[in-house]
Amino acid sequence: MQTRRKLIAKIKPKSPVAEQYRTIRTNIEFSSLDEEVRTIMVTSAGPSEGKSTTSANLAVVFAQQGKKVLIVDADLRKPTAHYTFNLLNTRGLSNILSNQTSIIDTVQETDIENLSVLTSGPIPPNPSEMLGSKAMDRFLDEALDQYDLVMFDTPPLLAVTDAQILSNKCDGTILVAKSKKTEKDQLLKAKELLQAAKGKILGVILNNVKMKESDQYYYYGK
């Protein structure tokens, strides 16, 4: 099934790509020796650059390490987490932020130990306002009481302001770029937007790199 193949860290945990996700996990941990990173936002400059696949697989490898992880589909415009994890999306983050339901009644468990998913819920008319609201602050506080790590998949930075708004609320942001697709100018603009929002950039992941036989790695994580 196409959506399940995206979870290579689960399906093929010994593969070179899964190993690179674990390397990225280690790099994140080393980047935050003075202050533990417990909320991570994953975004990209433009669409179709691999941010959702990256966030899902990173959530998997953190859960495999023994951390209690919640991955949140904060792309309230074009959500995909429910497809990736084969879950229903009748209610989710948008319902929590509009005070229609609670975290405990909305989060869904996966067949991966320690990993839970909060889907987007119905697409609201005001995604940016929702993500920047005090309700989001309350959600974060409550989620951190229940989970060791909360990971957000957000819309692309250059498309809408959603990711900028959320980056200011998270401990760190990972920027995903796609080899031979993401333009340098787009990546620099995305970096500037994050810095303007006072978001902390943990690093950039370059994906979809073609692997030569002599190469050990598919992905490079900084």
N, C-alpha and C. Protein backbone atom coordinates (compact mmCIF):
# COMPACT_ATOMS: atom_id res chain seq x y z
N MET A 1 0.85 -1.20 0.00
CA MET A 1 0.00 0.00 0.00
C MET A 1 0.88 1.25 0.00
N GLN A 2 0.63 2.19 -0.89
CA GLN A 2 1.51 3.33 -1.09
C GLN A 2 1.73 4.13 0.18
N THR A 3 0.65 4.41 0.93
CA THR A 3 0.79 5.24 2.12
C THR A 3 1.64 4.54 3.18
N ARG A 4 1.56 3.23 3.29
CA ARG A 4 2.34 2.53 4.29
C ARG A 4 3.81 2.45 3.92
N ARG A 5 4.10 2.47 2.62
CA ARG A 5 5.50 2.38 2.21
C ARG A 5 6.30 3.60 2.65
N LYS A 6 5.62 4.68 2.95
CA LYS A 6 6.32 5.87 3.41
C LYS A 6 6.99 5.66 4.76
N LEU A 7 6.46 4.72 5.55
CA LEU A 7 7.00 4.48 6.89
C LEU A 7 8.14 3.47 6.82
N ILE A 8 9.20 3.83 6.12
CA ILE A 8 10.29 2.89 5.90
C ILE A 8 11.02 2.57 7.20
N ALA A 9 10.98 3.51 8.17
CA ALA A 9 11.62 3.26 9.47
C ALA A 9 10.93 2.12 10.21
N LYS A 10 9.67 1.87 9.87
CA LYS A 10 8.92 0.76 10.47
C LYS A 10 9.02 -0.49 9.59
N ILE A 11 8.79 -0.32 8.29
CA ILE A 11 8.73 -1.47 7.38
C ILE A 11 10.11 -2.11 7.16
N LYS A 12 11.13 -1.25 7.01
CA LYS A 12 12.50 -1.74 6.76
C LYS A 12 13.47 -1.05 7.72
N PRO A 13 13.40 -1.41 9.00
CA PRO A 13 14.21 -0.72 10.01
C PRO A 13 15.72 -0.87 9.84
N LYS A 14 16.16 -1.88 9.07
CA LYS A 14 17.59 -2.09 8.87
C LYS A 14 18.09 -1.49 7.55
N SER A 15 17.22 -0.81 6.84
CA SER A 15 17.62 -0.24 5.55
C SER A 15 18.51 0.99 5.75
N PRO A 16 19.30 1.37 4.74
CA PRO A 16 20.14 2.57 4.83
C PRO A 16 19.33 3.83 5.11
N VAL A 17 18.13 3.93 4.54
CA VAL A 17 17.31 5.12 4.76
C VAL A 17 16.84 5.19 6.21
N ALA A 18 16.41 4.07 6.76
CA ALA A 18 15.99 4.04 8.16
C ALA A 18 17.16 4.40 9.07
N GLU A 19 18.34 3.94 8.72
CA GLU A 19 19.53 4.27 9.50
C GLU A 19 19.79 5.78 9.48
N GLN A 20 19.52 6.40 8.34
CA GLN A 20 19.72 7.85 8.26
C GLN A 20 18.71 8.61 9.12
N TYR A 21 17.49 8.09 9.22
CA TYR A 21 16.54 8.72 10.13
C TYR A 21 17.03 8.62 11.58
N ARG A 22 17.66 7.51 11.91
CA ARG A 22 18.21 7.37 13.26
C ARG A 22 19.39 8.32 13.46
N THR A 23 20.17 8.53 12.41
CA THR A 23 21.27 9.49 12.48
C THR A 23 20.74 10.90 12.71
N ILE A 24 19.67 11.24 12.02
CA ILE A 24 19.05 12.55 12.21
C ILE A 24 18.53 12.68 13.64
N ARG A 25 17.94 11.61 14.16
CA ARG A 25 17.47 11.60 15.55
C ARG A 25 18.63 11.91 16.50
N THR A 26 19.77 11.26 16.29
CA THR A 26 20.94 11.49 17.13
C THR A 26 21.43 12.93 17.01
N ASN A 27 21.44 13.45 15.78
CA ASN A 27 21.88 14.83 15.57
C ASN A 27 20.98 15.82 16.29
N ILE A 28 19.68 15.55 16.29
CA ILE A 28 18.74 16.41 17.01
C ILE A 28 19.06 16.40 18.50
N GLU A 29 19.33 15.22 19.02
CA GLU A 29 19.63 15.09 20.45
C GLU A 29 20.92 15.81 20.81
N PHE A 30 21.93 15.72 19.95
CA PHE A 30 23.20 16.40 20.21
C PHE A 30 23.10 17.91 20.02
N SER A 31 22.14 18.35 19.21
CA SER A 31 22.00 19.78 18.97
C SER A 31 21.39 20.50 20.15
N SER A 32 20.89 19.75 21.11
CA SER A 32 20.15 20.36 22.21
C SER A 32 20.65 19.87 23.57
N LEU A 33 21.96 19.87 23.74
CA LEU A 33 22.54 19.36 24.98
C LEU A 33 22.16 20.22 26.18
N ASP A 34 22.05 21.54 25.97
CA ASP A 34 21.75 22.45 27.08
C ASP A 34 20.26 22.49 27.41
N GLU A 35 19.44 22.22 26.41
CA GLU A 35 17.99 22.32 26.62
C GLU A 35 17.30 21.24 25.80
N GLU A 36 16.55 20.40 26.46
CA GLU A 36 15.90 19.27 25.78
C GLU A 36 14.86 19.77 24.77
N VAL A 37 14.93 19.22 23.57
CA VAL A 37 13.95 19.55 22.54
C VAL A 37 12.77 18.59 22.67
N ARG A 38 11.60 19.13 22.99
CA ARG A 38 10.42 18.29 23.18
C ARG A 38 9.31 18.61 22.17
N THR A 39 9.42 19.74 21.49
CA THR A 39 8.45 20.07 20.43
C THR A 39 9.23 20.41 19.16
N ILE A 40 8.98 19.64 18.10
CA ILE A 40 9.70 19.80 16.84
C ILE A 40 8.71 20.03 15.71
N MET A 41 8.99 21.02 14.91
CA MET A 41 8.18 21.30 13.73
C MET A 41 8.96 20.89 12.48
N VAL A 42 8.31 20.19 11.57
CA VAL A 42 8.94 19.80 10.31
C VAL A 42 8.21 20.50 9.18
N THR A 43 8.97 21.22 8.36
CA THR A 43 8.35 21.97 7.26
C THR A 43 9.29 21.97 6.06
N SER A 44 8.89 22.65 5.00
CA SER A 44 9.70 22.76 3.79
C SER A 44 9.43 24.12 3.16
N ALA A 45 10.22 24.47 2.16
CA ALA A 45 9.99 25.74 1.48
C ALA A 45 8.73 25.67 0.62
N GLY A 46 8.63 24.59 -0.16
CA GLY A 46 7.49 24.43 -1.06
C GLY A 46 6.83 23.08 -0.88
N PRO A 47 5.81 22.80 -1.69
CA PRO A 47 5.08 21.53 -1.59
C PRO A 47 5.86 20.36 -2.20
N SER A 48 5.48 19.16 -1.81
CA SER A 48 6.02 17.92 -2.40
C SER A 48 7.53 17.80 -2.25
N GLU A 49 8.05 18.21 -1.11
CA GLU A 49 9.49 18.13 -0.87
C GLU A 49 9.84 17.08 0.19
N GLY A 50 8.82 16.39 0.72
CA GLY A 50 9.08 15.27 1.62
C GLY A 50 8.93 15.54 3.10
N LYS A 51 8.33 16.67 3.47
CA LYS A 51 8.23 17.00 4.90
C LYS A 51 7.34 16.02 5.67
N SER A 52 6.24 15.60 5.07
CA SER A 52 5.31 14.71 5.77
C SER A 52 5.92 13.31 5.95
N THR A 53 6.58 12.81 4.94
CA THR A 53 7.26 11.52 5.05
C THR A 53 8.37 11.60 6.08
N THR A 54 9.10 12.72 6.08
CA THR A 54 10.19 12.91 7.03
C THR A 54 9.68 12.96 8.46
N SER A 55 8.64 13.75 8.70
CA SER A 55 8.11 13.88 10.06
C SER A 55 7.58 12.54 10.57
N ALA A 56 6.91 11.79 9.71
CA ALA A 56 6.36 10.49 10.11
C ALA A 56 7.46 9.51 10.48
N ASN A 57 8.50 9.43 9.67
CA ASN A 57 9.59 8.49 9.95
C ASN A 57 10.43 8.92 11.14
N LEU A 58 10.61 10.20 11.33
CA LEU A 58 11.32 10.66 12.53
C LEU A 58 10.54 10.33 13.79
N ALA A 59 9.22 10.50 13.72
CA ALA A 59 8.37 10.13 14.85
C ALA A 59 8.53 8.65 15.17
N VAL A 60 8.60 7.83 14.13
CA VAL A 60 8.75 6.38 14.32
C VAL A 60 10.07 6.06 15.02
N VAL A 61 11.18 6.66 14.57
CA VAL A 61 12.47 6.29 15.17
C VAL A 61 12.61 6.82 16.60
N PHE A 62 11.97 7.95 16.89
CA PHE A 62 11.98 8.42 18.28
C PHE A 62 11.16 7.48 19.16
N ALA A 63 10.03 6.99 18.64
CA ALA A 63 9.21 6.04 19.39
C ALA A 63 9.95 4.72 19.58
N GLN A 64 10.68 4.29 18.56
CA GLN A 64 11.46 3.05 18.66
C GLN A 64 12.55 3.16 19.73
N GLN A 65 12.96 4.37 20.02
CA GLN A 65 13.97 4.61 21.05
C GLN A 65 13.39 4.50 22.46
N GLY A 66 12.07 4.51 22.54
CA GLY A 66 11.42 4.38 23.83
C GLY A 66 10.72 5.63 24.31
N LYS A 67 10.81 6.71 23.52
CA LYS A 67 10.12 7.94 23.89
C LYS A 67 8.63 7.81 23.55
N LYS A 68 7.80 8.42 24.38
CA LYS A 68 6.37 8.48 24.11
C LYS A 68 6.14 9.66 23.18
N VAL A 69 5.76 9.39 21.93
CA VAL A 69 5.73 10.40 20.87
C VAL A 69 4.31 10.64 20.37
N LEU A 70 4.01 11.91 20.15
CA LEU A 70 2.76 12.30 19.49
C LEU A 70 3.11 13.06 18.23
N ILE A 71 2.67 12.56 17.08
CA ILE A 71 2.84 13.32 15.84
C ILE A 71 1.51 14.00 15.52
N VAL A 72 1.59 15.30 15.25
CA VAL A 72 0.40 16.12 15.04
C VAL A 72 0.38 16.61 13.60
N ASP A 73 -0.71 16.35 12.90
CA ASP A 73 -0.87 16.89 11.54
C ASP A 73 -1.39 18.31 11.67
N ALA A 74 -0.46 19.27 11.65
CA ALA A 74 -0.82 20.68 11.77
C ALA A 74 -0.94 21.33 10.40
N ASP A 75 -0.98 20.51 9.35
CA ASP A 75 -1.29 21.04 8.02
C ASP A 75 -2.80 21.03 7.88
N LEU A 76 -3.40 22.12 8.31
CA LEU A 76 -4.86 22.22 8.33
C LEU A 76 -5.44 22.63 6.98
N ARG A 77 -4.61 22.52 5.93
CA ARG A 77 -5.05 22.85 4.57
C ARG A 77 -5.02 21.61 3.67
N LYS A 78 -3.90 20.86 3.72
CA LYS A 78 -3.79 19.64 2.93
C LYS A 78 -3.21 18.52 3.81
N PRO A 79 -3.99 18.02 4.76
CA PRO A 79 -3.48 17.02 5.69
C PRO A 79 -3.23 15.67 5.03
N THR A 80 -2.24 14.95 5.55
CA THR A 80 -1.90 13.64 4.99
C THR A 80 -1.65 12.56 6.03
N ALA A 81 -1.50 12.92 7.30
CA ALA A 81 -1.10 11.93 8.32
C ALA A 81 -2.09 10.78 8.42
N HIS A 82 -3.37 11.07 8.22
CA HIS A 82 -4.35 9.98 8.33
C HIS A 82 -4.18 8.96 7.20
N TYR A 83 -3.68 9.41 6.05
CA TYR A 83 -3.37 8.46 4.97
C TYR A 83 -2.12 7.65 5.33
N THR A 84 -1.09 8.34 5.79
CA THR A 84 0.18 7.69 6.11
C THR A 84 0.00 6.58 7.14
N PHE A 85 -0.79 6.87 8.18
CA PHE A 85 -0.97 5.91 9.26
C PHE A 85 -2.28 5.11 9.15
N ASN A 86 -2.99 5.31 8.05
CA ASN A 86 -4.22 4.56 7.78
C ASN A 86 -5.25 4.73 8.90
N LEU A 87 -5.56 5.99 9.21
CA LEU A 87 -6.47 6.33 10.29
C LEU A 87 -7.65 7.16 9.78
N LEU A 88 -8.70 7.20 10.56
CA LEU A 88 -9.83 8.08 10.24
C LEU A 88 -9.47 9.53 10.61
N ASN A 89 -10.07 10.47 9.91
CA ASN A 89 -9.81 11.89 10.18
C ASN A 89 -11.12 12.64 10.41
N THR A 90 -12.05 12.00 11.10
CA THR A 90 -13.33 12.65 11.36
C THR A 90 -13.21 13.77 12.38
N ARG A 91 -12.24 13.64 13.28
CA ARG A 91 -11.95 14.73 14.21
C ARG A 91 -10.48 14.70 14.55
N GLY A 92 -9.96 15.88 14.92
CA GLY A 92 -8.53 15.98 15.17
C GLY A 92 -8.17 17.31 15.78
N LEU A 93 -7.01 17.85 15.35
CA LEU A 93 -6.48 19.07 15.93
C LEU A 93 -7.45 20.24 15.85
N SER A 94 -8.11 20.40 14.71
CA SER A 94 -9.02 21.55 14.55
C SER A 94 -10.17 21.48 15.55
N ASN A 95 -10.62 20.27 15.88
CA ASN A 95 -11.69 20.13 16.87
C ASN A 95 -11.21 20.49 18.28
N ILE A 96 -9.97 20.11 18.59
CA ILE A 96 -9.40 20.45 19.90
C ILE A 96 -9.23 21.96 20.04
N LEU A 97 -8.71 22.60 19.00
CA LEU A 97 -8.45 24.04 19.06
C LEU A 97 -9.74 24.86 19.08
N SER A 98 -10.83 24.27 18.62
CA SER A 98 -12.13 24.96 18.67
C SER A 98 -12.97 24.48 19.86
N ASN A 99 -12.27 23.81 20.81
CA ASN A 99 -12.89 23.39 22.08
C ASN A 99 -14.08 22.45 21.91
N GLN A 100 -14.03 21.61 20.88
CA GLN A 100 -15.11 20.65 20.65
C GLN A 100 -14.81 19.28 21.26
N THR A 101 -13.53 19.04 21.56
CA THR A 101 -13.14 17.74 22.09
C THR A 101 -11.83 17.90 22.85
N SER A 102 -11.38 16.82 23.49
CA SER A 102 -10.15 16.85 24.27
C SER A 102 -9.06 16.01 23.61
N ILE A 103 -7.83 16.18 24.07
CA ILE A 103 -6.73 15.39 23.53
C ILE A 103 -6.98 13.90 23.74
N ILE A 104 -7.34 13.55 24.96
CA ILE A 104 -7.48 12.13 25.30
C ILE A 104 -8.58 11.45 24.48
N ASP A 105 -9.58 12.21 24.05
CA ASP A 105 -10.68 11.63 23.27
C ASP A 105 -10.41 11.67 21.76
N THR A 106 -9.33 12.30 21.35
CA THR A 106 -9.11 12.54 19.93
C THR A 106 -7.85 11.87 19.37
N VAL A 107 -6.82 11.78 20.19
CA VAL A 107 -5.58 11.13 19.75
C VAL A 107 -5.84 9.67 19.43
N GLN A 108 -5.20 9.18 18.37
CA GLN A 108 -5.35 7.78 17.96
C GLN A 108 -4.04 7.02 18.12
N GLU A 109 -4.14 5.81 18.61
CA GLU A 109 -2.96 4.98 18.77
C GLU A 109 -2.61 4.32 17.42
N THR A 110 -1.34 3.99 17.26
CA THR A 110 -0.89 3.28 16.06
C THR A 110 -0.43 1.88 16.46
N ASP A 111 -0.07 1.09 15.46
CA ASP A 111 0.46 -0.24 15.77
C ASP A 111 1.95 -0.19 16.05
N ILE A 112 2.49 1.01 16.20
CA ILE A 112 3.89 1.21 16.56
C ILE A 112 3.93 1.59 18.04
N GLU A 113 4.64 0.83 18.83
CA GLU A 113 4.69 1.08 20.27
C GLU A 113 5.21 2.49 20.56
N ASN A 114 4.57 3.17 21.48
CA ASN A 114 4.93 4.52 21.94
C ASN A 114 4.55 5.65 20.98
N LEU A 115 3.92 5.32 19.85
CA LEU A 115 3.61 6.37 18.87
C LEU A 115 2.10 6.57 18.73
N SER A 116 1.67 7.81 18.96
CA SER A 116 0.27 8.20 18.79
C SER A 116 0.18 9.29 17.72
N VAL A 117 -0.98 9.41 17.12
CA VAL A 117 -1.19 10.38 16.04
C VAL A 117 -2.41 11.25 16.36
N LEU A 118 -2.24 12.54 16.13
CA LEU A 118 -3.39 13.45 16.15
C LEU A 118 -3.56 13.97 14.73
N THR A 119 -4.61 13.52 14.07
CA THR A 119 -4.87 13.96 12.69
C THR A 119 -5.34 15.42 12.69
N SER A 120 -5.50 15.98 11.52
CA SER A 120 -5.84 17.40 11.41
C SER A 120 -7.26 17.70 11.86
N GLY A 121 -8.17 16.76 11.62
CA GLY A 121 -9.58 17.06 11.81
C GLY A 121 -10.11 17.80 10.59
N PRO A 122 -11.39 18.20 10.62
CA PRO A 122 -11.97 18.92 9.49
C PRO A 122 -11.18 20.20 9.18
N ILE A 123 -11.03 20.50 7.89
CA ILE A 123 -10.27 21.69 7.49
C ILE A 123 -11.06 22.95 7.89
N PRO A 124 -10.45 23.82 8.72
CA PRO A 124 -11.15 25.01 9.20
C PRO A 124 -11.00 26.18 8.23
N PRO A 125 -11.81 27.24 8.37
CA PRO A 125 -11.68 28.40 7.50
C PRO A 125 -10.52 29.32 7.88
N ASN A 126 -9.95 29.12 9.09
CA ASN A 126 -8.93 30.04 9.59
C ASN A 126 -7.74 29.32 10.20
N PRO A 127 -7.00 28.51 9.41
CA PRO A 127 -5.89 27.72 9.95
C PRO A 127 -4.83 28.54 10.68
N SER A 128 -4.40 29.65 10.09
CA SER A 128 -3.33 30.46 10.70
C SER A 128 -3.74 30.97 12.07
N GLU A 129 -4.96 31.48 12.16
CA GLU A 129 -5.45 32.00 13.44
C GLU A 129 -5.53 30.90 14.49
N MET A 130 -5.94 29.71 14.06
CA MET A 130 -6.03 28.58 14.99
C MET A 130 -4.65 28.22 15.55
N LEU A 131 -3.66 28.14 14.68
CA LEU A 131 -2.32 27.73 15.11
C LEU A 131 -1.66 28.79 15.99
N GLY A 132 -2.05 30.03 15.84
CA GLY A 132 -1.47 31.10 16.64
C GLY A 132 -2.27 31.43 17.89
N SER A 133 -3.31 30.67 18.15
CA SER A 133 -4.24 31.00 19.23
C SER A 133 -3.74 30.56 20.61
N LYS A 134 -4.40 31.08 21.64
CA LYS A 134 -4.11 30.64 23.00
C LYS A 134 -4.55 29.20 23.20
N ALA A 135 -5.52 28.76 22.43
CA ALA A 135 -5.94 27.35 22.48
C ALA A 135 -4.79 26.44 22.08
N MET A 136 -3.97 26.88 21.12
CA MET A 136 -2.79 26.10 20.73
C MET A 136 -1.78 26.04 21.87
N ASP A 137 -1.60 27.15 22.57
CA ASP A 137 -0.69 27.16 23.72
C ASP A 137 -1.17 26.17 24.78
N ARG A 138 -2.47 26.15 25.03
CA ARG A 138 -3.02 25.23 26.02
C ARG A 138 -2.85 23.78 25.55
N PHE A 139 -3.06 23.56 24.25
CA PHE A 139 -2.88 22.23 23.70
C PHE A 139 -1.44 21.75 23.90
N LEU A 140 -0.48 22.61 23.63
CA LEU A 140 0.93 22.25 23.78
C LEU A 140 1.25 21.88 25.23
N ASP A 141 0.77 22.69 26.16
CA ASP A 141 1.02 22.42 27.58
C ASP A 141 0.45 21.05 27.98
N GLU A 142 -0.75 20.78 27.53
CA GLU A 142 -1.40 19.52 27.89
C GLU A 142 -0.71 18.33 27.22
N ALA A 143 -0.33 18.50 25.95
CA ALA A 143 0.33 17.42 25.22
C ALA A 143 1.67 17.07 25.87
N LEU A 144 2.40 18.08 26.32
CA LEU A 144 3.71 17.85 26.94
C LEU A 144 3.60 17.21 28.31
N ASP A 145 2.43 17.30 28.91
CA ASP A 145 2.19 16.58 30.16
C ASP A 145 2.03 15.08 29.92
N GLN A 146 1.65 14.73 28.69
CA GLN A 146 1.34 13.34 28.38
C GLN A 146 2.38 12.64 27.51
N TYR A 147 3.21 13.44 26.79
CA TYR A 147 4.16 12.86 25.84
C TYR A 147 5.56 13.42 26.06
N ASP A 148 6.55 12.60 25.72
CA ASP A 148 7.95 13.05 25.80
C ASP A 148 8.31 13.97 24.65
N LEU A 149 7.71 13.71 23.49
CA LEU A 149 8.02 14.47 22.28
C LEU A 149 6.76 14.70 21.47
N VAL A 150 6.57 15.94 21.03
CA VAL A 150 5.44 16.28 20.15
C VAL A 150 6.03 16.81 18.84
N MET A 151 5.68 16.15 17.74
CA MET A 151 6.21 16.53 16.43
C MET A 151 5.09 17.02 15.53
N PHE A 152 5.30 18.17 14.89
CA PHE A 152 4.29 18.79 14.04
C PHE A 152 4.69 18.73 12.58
N ASP A 153 3.76 18.30 11.75
CA ASP A 153 3.90 18.40 10.29
C ASP A 153 3.08 19.61 9.87
N THR A 154 3.73 20.59 9.21
CA THR A 154 3.06 21.85 8.88
C THR A 154 3.07 22.12 7.38
N PRO A 155 2.28 23.09 6.93
CA PRO A 155 2.32 23.46 5.51
C PRO A 155 3.67 24.06 5.13
N PRO A 156 3.97 24.13 3.84
CA PRO A 156 5.22 24.75 3.38
C PRO A 156 5.31 26.22 3.78
N LEU A 157 6.51 26.68 4.05
CA LEU A 157 6.73 28.05 4.54
C LEU A 157 6.36 29.12 3.52
N LEU A 158 6.68 28.88 2.25
CA LEU A 158 6.48 29.93 1.25
C LEU A 158 5.04 30.03 0.78
N ALA A 159 4.21 29.07 1.17
CA ALA A 159 2.82 29.06 0.70
C ALA A 159 1.91 29.89 1.60
N VAL A 160 2.01 29.67 2.92
CA VAL A 160 1.14 30.33 3.89
C VAL A 160 1.95 30.63 5.15
N THR A 161 1.35 31.37 6.09
CA THR A 161 2.08 31.78 7.29
C THR A 161 2.01 30.77 8.43
N ASP A 162 1.28 29.68 8.25
CA ASP A 162 1.04 28.72 9.32
C ASP A 162 2.33 28.24 9.99
N ALA A 163 3.30 27.82 9.19
CA ALA A 163 4.54 27.27 9.75
C ALA A 163 5.33 28.32 10.52
N GLN A 164 5.36 29.54 10.02
CA GLN A 164 6.03 30.62 10.74
C GLN A 164 5.43 30.80 12.13
N ILE A 165 4.12 30.83 12.17
CA ILE A 165 3.42 31.02 13.44
C ILE A 165 3.76 29.92 14.43
N LEU A 166 3.76 28.68 13.97
CA LEU A 166 3.99 27.56 14.86
C LEU A 166 5.46 27.42 15.24
N SER A 167 6.36 27.86 14.38
CA SER A 167 7.80 27.73 14.67
C SER A 167 8.17 28.50 15.94
N ASN A 168 7.47 29.57 16.18
CA ASN A 168 7.74 30.39 17.36
C ASN A 168 7.32 29.69 18.65
N LYS A 169 6.44 28.70 18.52
CA LYS A 169 5.93 27.98 19.70
C LYS A 169 6.69 26.68 19.97
N CYS A 170 7.50 26.25 18.99
CA CYS A 170 8.21 24.97 19.12
C CYS A 170 9.66 25.17 19.54
N ASP A 171 10.23 24.11 20.14
CA ASP A 171 11.62 24.18 20.57
C ASP A 171 12.58 24.22 19.39
N GLY A 172 12.18 23.64 18.28
CA GLY A 172 13.07 23.61 17.12
C GLY A 172 12.32 23.25 15.85
N THR A 173 12.91 23.65 14.71
CA THR A 173 12.32 23.39 13.41
C THR A 173 13.31 22.66 12.51
N ILE A 174 12.82 21.68 11.77
CA ILE A 174 13.60 20.98 10.77
C ILE A 174 13.07 21.39 9.40
N LEU A 175 13.96 21.83 8.55
CA LEU A 175 13.59 22.27 7.20
C LEU A 175 13.98 21.17 6.21
N VAL A 176 13.02 20.71 5.44
CA VAL A 176 13.25 19.62 4.48
C VAL A 176 13.38 20.19 3.07
N ALA A 177 14.39 19.74 2.36
CA ALA A 177 14.60 20.15 0.97
C ALA A 177 14.72 18.90 0.10
N LYS A 178 14.29 19.00 -1.12
CA LYS A 178 14.33 17.86 -2.04
C LYS A 178 15.41 18.07 -3.09
N SER A 179 16.26 17.08 -3.23
CA SER A 179 17.35 17.16 -4.19
C SER A 179 16.83 17.39 -5.61
N LYS A 180 17.43 18.35 -6.30
CA LYS A 180 17.11 18.70 -7.69
C LYS A 180 15.71 19.28 -7.86
N LYS A 181 15.06 19.65 -6.76
CA LYS A 181 13.75 20.28 -6.84
C LYS A 181 13.73 21.62 -6.11
N THR A 182 14.19 21.61 -4.85
CA THR A 182 14.18 22.83 -4.04
C THR A 182 15.23 23.79 -4.57
N GLU A 183 14.80 25.00 -4.91
CA GLU A 183 15.74 26.02 -5.38
C GLU A 183 16.46 26.65 -4.19
N LYS A 184 17.72 27.04 -4.41
CA LYS A 184 18.51 27.64 -3.34
C LYS A 184 17.84 28.91 -2.81
N ASP A 185 17.31 29.72 -3.71
CA ASP A 185 16.65 30.97 -3.29
C ASP A 185 15.43 30.68 -2.42
N GLN A 186 14.70 29.62 -2.74
CA GLN A 186 13.53 29.25 -1.95
C GLN A 186 13.95 28.83 -0.54
N LEU A 187 15.02 28.07 -0.46
CA LEU A 187 15.51 27.59 0.82
C LEU A 187 15.99 28.75 1.70
N LEU A 188 16.68 29.69 1.08
CA LEU A 188 17.16 30.87 1.83
C LEU A 188 15.99 31.72 2.30
N LYS A 189 14.98 31.85 1.47
CA LYS A 189 13.80 32.62 1.86
C LYS A 189 13.08 31.94 3.02
N ALA A 190 12.98 30.62 2.95
CA ALA A 190 12.35 29.86 4.04
C ALA A 190 13.12 30.06 5.34
N LYS A 191 14.45 30.03 5.25
CA LYS A 191 15.29 30.26 6.44
C LYS A 191 15.04 31.65 7.01
N GLU A 192 14.95 32.64 6.13
CA GLU A 192 14.71 34.02 6.58
C GLU A 192 13.36 34.14 7.29
N LEU A 193 12.35 33.47 6.77
CA LEU A 193 11.02 33.52 7.38
C LEU A 193 11.03 32.91 8.78
N LEU A 194 11.75 31.80 8.93
CA LEU A 194 11.86 31.17 10.24
C LEU A 194 12.60 32.07 11.22
N GLN A 195 13.68 32.68 10.74
CA GLN A 195 14.44 33.57 11.61
C GLN A 195 13.63 34.79 12.01
N ALA A 196 12.85 35.31 11.07
CA ALA A 196 12.00 36.47 11.37
C ALA A 196 10.95 36.14 12.43
N ALA A 197 10.52 34.89 12.44
CA ALA A 197 9.53 34.44 13.43
C ALA A 197 10.19 34.02 14.74
N LYS A 198 11.53 34.15 14.78
CA LYS A 198 12.31 33.74 15.96
C LYS A 198 12.20 32.24 16.22
N GLY A 199 12.08 31.49 15.13
CA GLY A 199 12.08 30.04 15.24
C GLY A 199 13.51 29.52 15.26
N LYS A 200 13.76 28.49 16.05
CA LYS A 200 15.10 27.90 16.14
C LYS A 200 15.22 26.79 15.10
N ILE A 201 16.14 26.96 14.16
CA ILE A 201 16.34 25.95 13.11
C ILE A 201 17.33 24.89 13.61
N LEU A 202 16.86 23.66 13.72
CA LEU A 202 17.72 22.57 14.17
C LEU A 202 18.63 22.08 13.05
N GLY A 203 18.15 22.21 11.81
CA GLY A 203 18.95 21.77 10.68
C GLY A 203 18.13 21.58 9.43
N VAL A 204 18.81 21.21 8.36
CA VAL A 204 18.17 20.99 7.07
C VAL A 204 18.39 19.54 6.65
N ILE A 205 17.34 18.91 6.15
CA ILE A 205 17.45 17.54 5.65
C ILE A 205 17.28 17.59 4.13
N LEU A 206 18.27 17.07 3.43
CA LEU A 206 18.20 16.96 1.97
C LEU A 206 17.81 15.54 1.63
N ASN A 207 16.65 15.38 1.00
CA ASN A 207 16.20 14.03 0.69
C ASN A 207 16.12 13.79 -0.81
N ASN A 208 15.79 12.57 -1.16
CA ASN A 208 15.68 12.13 -2.55
C ASN A 208 17.02 12.19 -3.30
N VAL A 209 18.10 12.03 -2.53
CA VAL A 209 19.43 11.99 -3.15
C VAL A 209 19.65 10.62 -3.75
N LYS A 210 20.06 10.58 -5.02
CA LYS A 210 20.31 9.29 -5.66
C LYS A 210 21.58 8.67 -5.09
N MET A 211 21.49 7.42 -4.72
CA MET A 211 22.62 6.76 -4.08
C MET A 211 23.44 5.98 -5.09
N LYS A 212 24.76 6.23 -5.08
CA LYS A 212 25.67 5.44 -5.90
C LYS A 212 26.08 4.20 -5.12
N GLU A 213 26.58 3.22 -5.83
CA GLU A 213 26.95 1.97 -5.16
C GLU A 213 28.04 2.19 -4.12
N SER A 214 28.88 3.18 -4.36
CA SER A 214 29.99 3.43 -3.44
C SER A 214 29.57 4.26 -2.23
N ASP A 215 28.36 4.81 -2.27
CA ASP A 215 27.89 5.67 -1.18
C ASP A 215 27.21 4.85 -0.10
N GLN A 216 27.34 5.34 1.12
CA GLN A 216 26.71 4.64 2.24
C GLN A 216 25.35 5.24 2.57
N TYR A 217 25.15 6.52 2.21
CA TYR A 217 23.97 7.21 2.70
C TYR A 217 23.02 7.67 1.59
N TYR A 218 21.74 7.58 1.88
CA TYR A 218 20.72 8.14 1.00
C TYR A 218 20.45 9.59 1.39
N TYR A 219 20.49 9.85 2.67
CA TYR A 219 20.06 11.15 3.20
C TYR A 219 21.23 11.80 3.94
N TYR A 220 21.21 13.11 3.94
CA TYR A 220 22.17 13.83 4.76
C TYR A 220 21.40 14.70 5.74
N GLY A 221 21.64 14.51 6.99
CA GLY A 221 20.94 15.32 8.01
C GLY A 221 21.94 16.17 8.75
N LYS A 222 21.59 17.43 8.93
CA LYS A 222 22.50 18.33 9.66
C LYS A 222 21.83 18.74 10.95
